[in-house]
């Protein structure tokens, strides 16, 4: 009886562990794009802190962060956005199904982000005022896509 109980308990534990592992795994495309957004946020945080006066302006750090943003914006993201990875199809993403409905609009928004980050990269070493001006354009480009294609956190 004791052996039967131990075997049953072991199988139940194994089953619960397997189920928990399966639930914790995210879609690799979703993980990739969320990681990309974290990299954007990290670099925007540096520039934002300088723009707000929360961090002393450092031309080298500003140029590095802005350069990173420009490089990130130019990454080909097509593989990160396969159909069926929206918030109506899977959990763990805020991507709205509308993303896959109008490819030209997405293309325009991506191009606007590329242009805004490239312009910021060109001027970030020129001082706080240049960062402030450039951050407005970058924020506008980010916000345009998020307003149209990201579900609200509320």
C-alpha atoms as a PDB file:
ATOM      1  CA  UNK A   1       0.000   0.000   0.000  1.00  0.00           C
ATOM      2  CA  UNK A   2       2.833   2.363   0.927  1.00  0.00           C
ATOM      3  CA  UNK A   3       4.582   1.672  -2.407  1.00  0.00           C
ATOM      4  CA  UNK A   4       1.361   2.344  -4.316  1.00  0.00           C
ATOM      5  CA  UNK A   5       0.909   5.648  -2.473  1.00  0.00           C
ATOM      6  CA  UNK A   6       4.504   6.707  -3.170  1.00  0.00           C
ATOM      7  CA  UNK A   7       4.225   5.781  -6.843  1.00  0.00           C
ATOM      8  CA  UNK A   8       0.926   7.668  -7.166  1.00  0.00           C
ATOM      9  CA  UNK A   9       2.359  10.704  -5.379  1.00  0.00           C
ATOM     10  CA  UNK A  10       5.436  10.674  -7.613  1.00  0.00           C
ATOM     11  CA  UNK A  11       3.327  10.488 -10.774  1.00  0.00           C
ATOM     12  CA  UNK A  12       1.018  13.247  -9.548  1.00  0.00           C
ATOM     13  CA  UNK A  13       3.994  15.466  -8.751  1.00  0.00           C
ATOM     14  CA  UNK A  14       5.521  14.779 -12.153  1.00  0.00           C
ATOM     15  CA  UNK A  15       2.218  15.570 -13.858  1.00  0.00           C
ATOM     16  CA  UNK A  16       1.796  18.851 -11.971  1.00  0.00           C
ATOM     17  CA  UNK A  17       5.387  19.842 -12.709  1.00  0.00           C
ATOM     18  CA  UNK A  18       4.959  19.122 -16.420  1.00  0.00           C
ATOM     19  CA  UNK A  19       1.724  21.119 -16.527  1.00  0.00           C
ATOM     20  CA  UNK A  20       3.340  24.040 -14.708  1.00  0.00           C
ATOM     21  CA  UNK A  21       6.328  24.018 -17.039  1.00  0.00           C
ATOM     22  CA  UNK A  22       4.040  23.976 -20.069  1.00  0.00           C
ATOM     23  CA  UNK A  23       2.054  26.942 -18.781  1.00  0.00           C
ATOM     24  CA  UNK A  24       5.154  29.013 -18.056  1.00  0.00           C
ATOM     25  CA  UNK A  25       6.581  28.679 -21.554  1.00  0.00           C
ATOM     26  CA  UNK A  26       5.888  31.648 -23.802  1.00  0.00           C
ATOM     27  CA  UNK A  27       5.797  31.742 -27.526  1.00  0.00           C
ATOM     28  CA  UNK A  28       9.376  32.442 -28.721  1.00  0.00           C
ATOM     29  CA  UNK A  29       8.187  35.223 -31.043  1.00  0.00           C
ATOM     30  CA  UNK A  30       6.374  36.941 -28.169  1.00  0.00           C
ATOM     31  CA  UNK A  31       9.453  36.586 -25.960  1.00  0.00           C
ATOM     32  CA  UNK A  32      11.659  38.057 -28.699  1.00  0.00           C
ATOM     33  CA  UNK A  33       9.494  41.125 -29.238  1.00  0.00           C
ATOM     34  CA  UNK A  34       9.033  41.685 -25.512  1.00  0.00           C
ATOM     35  CA  UNK A  35      12.804  41.480 -25.107  1.00  0.00           C
ATOM     36  CA  UNK A  36      13.182  44.037 -27.892  1.00  0.00           C
ATOM     37  CA  UNK A  37      10.766  46.352 -26.061  1.00  0.00           C
ATOM     38  CA  UNK A  38      12.805  45.939 -22.861  1.00  0.00           C
ATOM     39  CA  UNK A  39      15.933  46.995 -24.750  1.00  0.00           C
ATOM     40  CA  UNK A  40      14.088  50.045 -26.085  1.00  0.00           C
ATOM     41  CA  UNK A  41      12.940  50.885 -22.550  1.00  0.00           C
ATOM     42  CA  UNK A  42      16.433  50.488 -21.100  1.00  0.00           C
ATOM     43  CA  UNK A  43      17.959  52.933 -23.579  1.00  0.00           C
ATOM     44  CA  UNK A  44      15.001  55.326 -23.441  1.00  0.00           C
ATOM     45  CA  UNK A  45      15.380  55.323 -19.656  1.00  0.00           C
ATOM     46  CA  UNK A  46      18.921  56.666 -19.905  1.00  0.00           C
ATOM     47  CA  UNK A  47      17.931  59.384 -22.353  1.00  0.00           C
ATOM     48  CA  UNK A  48      14.747  60.231 -20.476  1.00  0.00           C
ATOM     49  CA  UNK A  49      16.624  60.637 -17.204  1.00  0.00           C
ATOM     50  CA  UNK A  50      19.049  63.037 -18.875  1.00  0.00           C
ATOM     51  CA  UNK A  51      16.212  64.949 -20.561  1.00  0.00           C
ATOM     52  CA  UNK A  52      14.405  65.372 -17.225  1.00  0.00           C
ATOM     53  CA  UNK A  53      17.546  66.361 -15.340  1.00  0.00           C
ATOM     54  CA  UNK A  54      17.381  63.240 -13.185  1.00  0.00           C
ATOM     55  CA  UNK A  55      20.788  62.200 -14.497  1.00  0.00           C
ATOM     56  CA  UNK A  56      23.723  64.373 -15.412  1.00  0.00           C
ATOM     57  CA  UNK A  57      24.112  64.804 -19.155  1.00  0.00           C
ATOM     58  CA  UNK A  58      26.870  62.629 -20.556  1.00  0.00           C
ATOM     59  CA  UNK A  59      27.398  63.032 -24.301  1.00  0.00           C
ATOM     60  CA  UNK A  60      29.036  59.632 -24.692  1.00  0.00           C
ATOM     61  CA  UNK A  61      26.274  57.798 -22.809  1.00  0.00           C
ATOM     62  CA  UNK A  62      23.605  59.752 -24.691  1.00  0.00           C
ATOM     63  CA  UNK A  63      25.142  58.908 -28.044  1.00  0.00           C
ATOM     64  CA  UNK A  64      25.456  55.243 -27.063  1.00  0.00           C
ATOM     65  CA  UNK A  65      21.829  54.983 -25.920  1.00  0.00           C
ATOM     66  CA  UNK A  66      20.505  56.846 -28.957  1.00  0.00           C
ATOM     67  CA  UNK A  67      22.687  54.758 -31.267  1.00  0.00           C
ATOM     68  CA  UNK A  68      21.341  51.606 -29.652  1.00  0.00           C
ATOM     69  CA  UNK A  69      17.777  52.811 -30.246  1.00  0.00           C
ATOM     70  CA  UNK A  70      18.506  53.463 -33.911  1.00  0.00           C
ATOM     71  CA  UNK A  71      20.026  50.006 -34.310  1.00  0.00           C
ATOM     72  CA  UNK A  72      17.121  48.353 -32.505  1.00  0.00           C
ATOM     73  CA  UNK A  73      14.602  50.191 -34.682  1.00  0.00           C
ATOM     74  CA  UNK A  74      16.345  48.928 -37.811  1.00  0.00           C
ATOM     75  CA  UNK A  75      16.164  45.254 -36.797  1.00  0.00           C
ATOM     76  CA  UNK A  76      14.022  43.196 -39.177  1.00  0.00           C
ATOM     77  CA  UNK A  77      11.188  42.159 -36.873  1.00  0.00           C
ATOM     78  CA  UNK A  78       9.094  40.142 -39.324  1.00  0.00           C
ATOM     79  CA  UNK A  79       9.846  36.804 -37.631  1.00  0.00           C
ATOM     80  CA  UNK A  80       8.770  38.264 -34.273  1.00  0.00           C
ATOM     81  CA  UNK A  81       5.218  38.898 -35.489  1.00  0.00           C
ATOM     82  CA  UNK A  82       3.782  35.650 -36.879  1.00  0.00           C
ATOM     83  CA  UNK A  83       0.005  35.514 -37.239  1.00  0.00           C
ATOM     84  CA  UNK A  84      -1.686  33.910 -34.269  1.00  0.00           C
ATOM     85  CA  UNK A  85       0.509  35.623 -31.665  1.00  0.00           C
ATOM     86  CA  UNK A  86      -2.006  38.317 -30.746  1.00  0.00           C
ATOM     87  CA  UNK A  87      -3.789  38.698 -27.416  1.00  0.00           C
ATOM     88  CA  UNK A  88      -6.991  37.142 -28.786  1.00  0.00           C
ATOM     89  CA  UNK A  89      -5.115  33.961 -29.749  1.00  0.00           C
ATOM     90  CA  UNK A  90      -2.633  33.432 -26.913  1.00  0.00           C
ATOM     91  CA  UNK A  91      -1.918  34.672 -23.416  1.00  0.00           C
ATOM     92  CA  UNK A  92       1.101  36.732 -22.448  1.00  0.00           C
ATOM     93  CA  UNK A  93       0.931  39.425 -25.111  1.00  0.00           C
ATOM     94  CA  UNK A  94      -0.752  42.787 -25.516  1.00  0.00           C
ATOM     95  CA  UNK A  95      -0.525  42.696 -29.324  1.00  0.00           C
ATOM     96  CA  UNK A  96      -3.935  43.347 -30.869  1.00  0.00           C
ATOM     97  CA  UNK A  97      -5.124  41.302 -33.883  1.00  0.00           C
ATOM     98  CA  UNK A  98      -5.299  44.542 -35.894  1.00  0.00           C
ATOM     99  CA  UNK A  99      -1.516  44.384 -36.345  1.00  0.00           C
ATOM    100  CA  UNK A 100      -1.955  41.778 -39.068  1.00  0.00           C
ATOM    101  CA  UNK A 101      -4.783  43.602 -40.860  1.00  0.00           C
ATOM    102  CA  UNK A 102      -2.908  46.557 -42.407  1.00  0.00           C
ATOM    103  CA  UNK A 103       0.708  45.875 -43.264  1.00  0.00           C
ATOM    104  CA  UNK A 104       1.230  49.242 -44.939  1.00  0.00           C
ATOM    105  CA  UNK A 105       0.230  51.108 -41.771  1.00  0.00           C
ATOM    106  CA  UNK A 106       2.671  49.055 -39.713  1.00  0.00           C
ATOM    107  CA  UNK A 107       5.353  49.712 -42.314  1.00  0.00           C
ATOM    108  CA  UNK A 108       4.727  53.451 -42.082  1.00  0.00           C
ATOM    109  CA  UNK A 109       4.912  53.356 -38.289  1.00  0.00           C
ATOM    110  CA  UNK A 110       8.137  51.330 -38.319  1.00  0.00           C
ATOM    111  CA  UNK A 111       9.650  53.775 -40.812  1.00  0.00           C
ATOM    112  CA  UNK A 112       8.661  56.716 -38.583  1.00  0.00           C
ATOM    113  CA  UNK A 113      10.394  55.038 -35.634  1.00  0.00           C
ATOM    114  CA  UNK A 114      13.510  54.349 -37.704  1.00  0.00           C
ATOM    115  CA  UNK A 115      13.654  57.980 -38.831  1.00  0.00           C
ATOM    116  CA  UNK A 116      13.053  59.393 -35.344  1.00  0.00           C
ATOM    117  CA  UNK A 117      15.685  57.187 -33.712  1.00  0.00           C
ATOM    118  CA  UNK A 118      18.211  57.910 -36.475  1.00  0.00           C
ATOM    119  CA  UNK A 119      17.673  61.652 -36.006  1.00  0.00           C
ATOM    120  CA  UNK A 120      18.080  61.300 -32.240  1.00  0.00           C
ATOM    121  CA  UNK A 121      21.276  59.293 -32.739  1.00  0.00           C
ATOM    122  CA  UNK A 122      22.634  62.111 -34.917  1.00  0.00           C
ATOM    123  CA  UNK A 123      21.991  64.810 -32.298  1.00  0.00           C
ATOM    124  CA  UNK A 124      22.126  63.141 -28.867  1.00  0.00           C
ATOM    125  CA  UNK A 125      25.718  64.251 -28.370  1.00  0.00           C
ATOM    126  CA  UNK A 126      24.774  67.913 -28.843  1.00  0.00           C
ATOM    127  CA  UNK A 127      23.283  68.461 -25.391  1.00  0.00           C
ATOM    128  CA  UNK A 128      20.206  68.017 -23.243  1.00  0.00           C
ATOM    129  CA  UNK A 129      18.058  70.222 -25.473  1.00  0.00           C
ATOM    130  CA  UNK A 130      18.799  67.995 -28.455  1.00  0.00           C
ATOM    131  CA  UNK A 131      17.781  64.926 -26.447  1.00  0.00           C
ATOM    132  CA  UNK A 132      14.571  66.590 -25.325  1.00  0.00           C
ATOM    133  CA  UNK A 133      13.640  67.484 -28.888  1.00  0.00           C
ATOM    134  CA  UNK A 134      14.516  64.058 -30.226  1.00  0.00           C
ATOM    135  CA  UNK A 135      12.722  62.206 -27.449  1.00  0.00           C
ATOM    136  CA  UNK A 136       9.466  63.884 -28.447  1.00  0.00           C
ATOM    137  CA  UNK A 137       9.681  62.466 -31.954  1.00  0.00           C
ATOM    138  CA  UNK A 138      10.713  59.014 -30.732  1.00  0.00           C
ATOM    139  CA  UNK A 139       7.937  58.981 -28.140  1.00  0.00           C
ATOM    140  CA  UNK A 140       5.435  59.997 -30.784  1.00  0.00           C
ATOM    141  CA  UNK A 141       6.547  57.184 -33.074  1.00  0.00           C
ATOM    142  CA  UNK A 142       6.397  54.627 -30.261  1.00  0.00           C
ATOM    143  CA  UNK A 143       3.035  55.905 -29.083  1.00  0.00           C
ATOM    144  CA  UNK A 144       1.479  55.827 -32.550  1.00  0.00           C
ATOM    145  CA  UNK A 145       2.083  52.108 -32.841  1.00  0.00           C
ATOM    146  CA  UNK A 146       1.172  51.317 -29.242  1.00  0.00           C
ATOM    147  CA  UNK A 147      -2.089  53.292 -29.392  1.00  0.00           C
ATOM    148  CA  UNK A 148      -3.184  51.476 -32.515  1.00  0.00           C
ATOM    149  CA  UNK A 149      -1.875  47.980 -31.888  1.00  0.00           C
ATOM    150  CA  UNK A 150      -1.272  47.345 -28.179  1.00  0.00           C
ATOM    151  CA  UNK A 151      -3.994  46.464 -25.706  1.00  0.00           C
ATOM    152  CA  UNK A 152      -4.305  48.781 -22.741  1.00  0.00           C
ATOM    153  CA  UNK A 153      -2.842  47.629 -19.435  1.00  0.00           C
ATOM    154  CA  UNK A 154      -6.046  48.747 -17.708  1.00  0.00           C
END
